[in-house]
Amino acid sequence: MQNARYAIYRLSVSISQAKEVKIISNNKIEIRLPDDSKVYYYLEAGTLYREKNGGKNPVAELSSLEFYRIPDSNSIRIVVKAGEERCFTLQTAVTAFGYWIGD
């Protein structure tokens, strides 16, 4: 459960501070920061990664990760699942600071 909580926290903070957010796929997003640098978050082989400037760092172990653009809204819904024996699902909706979200 701690992995799911930490993933939601990191993603929420990053998206809320973003200038722009693009949903690349259902489990990958591109975040453009106020300094115009880009950060990617994505799930690969059960690990949530953060990638910036060619560096790739693990964030949390997850069972699944999904990003959705909320229709008629400037928000993104994040759904994470974690756990092997007991699966935990957490979700939240976040709006980027720059209010520009693309698919």
Protein backbone atom coordinates (compact mmCIF):
# COMPACT_ATOMS: atom_id res chain seq x y z
CA MET A 1 0.00 0.00 0.00
CA GLN A 2 2.92 2.32 0.71
CA ASN A 3 4.07 2.00 -2.93
CA ALA A 4 0.63 3.03 -4.20
CA ARG A 5 0.49 6.01 -1.83
CA TYR A 6 3.97 7.18 -2.77
CA ALA A 7 3.25 6.82 -6.49
CA ILE A 8 0.03 8.86 -6.21
CA TYR A 9 1.86 11.52 -4.19
CA ARG A 10 4.79 11.86 -6.64
CA LEU A 11 2.55 11.91 -9.70
CA SER A 12 0.10 14.40 -8.14
CA VAL A 13 2.85 16.83 -7.16
CA SER A 14 4.56 16.60 -10.55
CA ILE A 15 1.34 17.07 -12.52
CA SER A 16 0.08 19.93 -10.34
CA GLN A 17 3.37 21.82 -10.83
CA ALA A 18 3.46 21.21 -14.59
CA LYS A 19 3.18 23.77 -17.31
CA GLU A 20 1.81 21.14 -19.69
CA VAL A 21 0.88 17.45 -19.46
CA LYS A 22 0.53 15.03 -22.38
CA ILE A 23 -0.88 11.55 -22.03
CA ILE A 24 1.38 9.41 -24.23
CA SER A 25 -0.42 6.14 -23.47
CA ASN A 26 -2.66 4.78 -20.72
CA ASN A 27 0.44 4.22 -18.54
CA LYS A 28 2.84 6.96 -19.69
CA ILE A 29 2.74 10.75 -19.39
CA GLU A 30 5.01 13.58 -20.44
CA ILE A 31 5.20 16.57 -18.10
CA ARG A 32 6.67 19.89 -19.22
CA LEU A 33 7.94 21.82 -16.24
CA PRO A 34 7.90 25.64 -15.89
CA ASP A 35 11.57 25.72 -17.04
CA ASP A 36 10.47 23.85 -20.23
CA SER A 37 12.32 20.65 -19.31
CA LYS A 38 10.42 17.40 -19.81
CA VAL A 39 9.83 14.57 -17.34
CA TYR A 40 8.26 11.23 -18.19
CA TYR A 41 6.50 8.86 -15.79
CA TYR A 42 5.66 5.37 -16.98
CA LEU A 43 5.14 1.80 -15.83
CA GLU A 44 7.59 -0.82 -17.07
CA ALA A 45 7.78 -4.40 -15.81
CA GLY A 46 5.93 -3.56 -12.58
CA THR A 47 8.01 -0.48 -11.74
CA LEU A 48 6.96 3.17 -12.00
CA TYR A 49 9.88 5.14 -13.48
CA ARG A 50 10.66 8.84 -13.65
CA GLU A 51 12.81 9.83 -16.62
CA LYS A 52 14.45 13.22 -17.11
CA ASN A 53 17.42 14.25 -19.26
CA GLY A 54 18.14 10.62 -20.16
CA GLY A 55 18.28 9.52 -16.51
CA LYS A 56 15.81 6.83 -15.46
CA ASN A 57 14.96 6.37 -11.77
CA PRO A 58 12.55 3.90 -10.14
CA VAL A 59 9.80 5.48 -8.05
CA ALA A 60 7.58 2.62 -6.83
CA GLU A 61 6.59 -0.98 -7.43
CA LEU A 62 3.05 -1.17 -8.88
CA SER A 63 0.73 -3.76 -10.37
CA SER A 64 -0.80 -1.28 -12.80
CA LEU A 65 -0.93 2.42 -13.65
CA GLU A 66 -3.50 4.27 -15.74
CA PHE A 67 -3.87 7.90 -16.79
CA TYR A 68 -7.16 9.31 -18.12
CA ARG A 69 -8.08 12.77 -19.27
CA ILE A 70 -11.33 13.68 -17.54
CA PRO A 71 -13.82 14.77 -20.25
CA ASP A 72 -14.74 18.47 -20.29
CA SER A 73 -12.08 19.13 -17.68
CA ASN A 74 -8.47 20.24 -17.31
CA SER A 75 -7.72 17.34 -15.00
CA ILE A 76 -6.08 13.95 -15.25
CA ARG A 77 -7.28 10.93 -13.31
CA ILE A 78 -4.52 8.69 -11.99
CA VAL A 79 -5.32 5.10 -10.98
CA VAL A 80 -2.62 2.94 -9.38
CA LYS A 81 -2.76 -0.63 -8.13
CA ALA A 82 -0.14 -2.22 -5.91
CA GLY A 83 0.31 -5.36 -3.89
CA GLU A 84 0.64 -9.05 -4.60
CA GLU A 85 -1.38 -10.92 -1.97
CA ARG A 86 -3.72 -8.01 -1.29
CA CYS A 87 -4.21 -5.58 -4.14
CA PHE A 88 -4.74 -1.92 -3.27
CA THR A 89 -6.24 0.58 -5.70
CA LEU A 90 -5.84 4.31 -5.22
CA GLN A 91 -7.00 7.07 -7.50
CA THR A 92 -7.07 10.84 -7.64
CA ALA A 93 -7.64 13.67 -10.10
CA VAL A 94 -5.06 16.43 -10.61
CA THR A 95 -5.05 19.65 -12.62
CA ALA A 96 -1.81 20.98 -14.09
CA PHE A 97 -0.74 24.48 -13.09
CA GLY A 98 -0.62 25.53 -16.75
CA TYR A 99 -4.08 24.07 -17.43
CA TRP A 100 -3.02 22.52 -20.74
CA ILE A 101 -3.55 18.81 -21.02
CA GLY A 102 -3.23 16.94 -24.29
CA ASP A 103 -3.80 13.38 -25.40
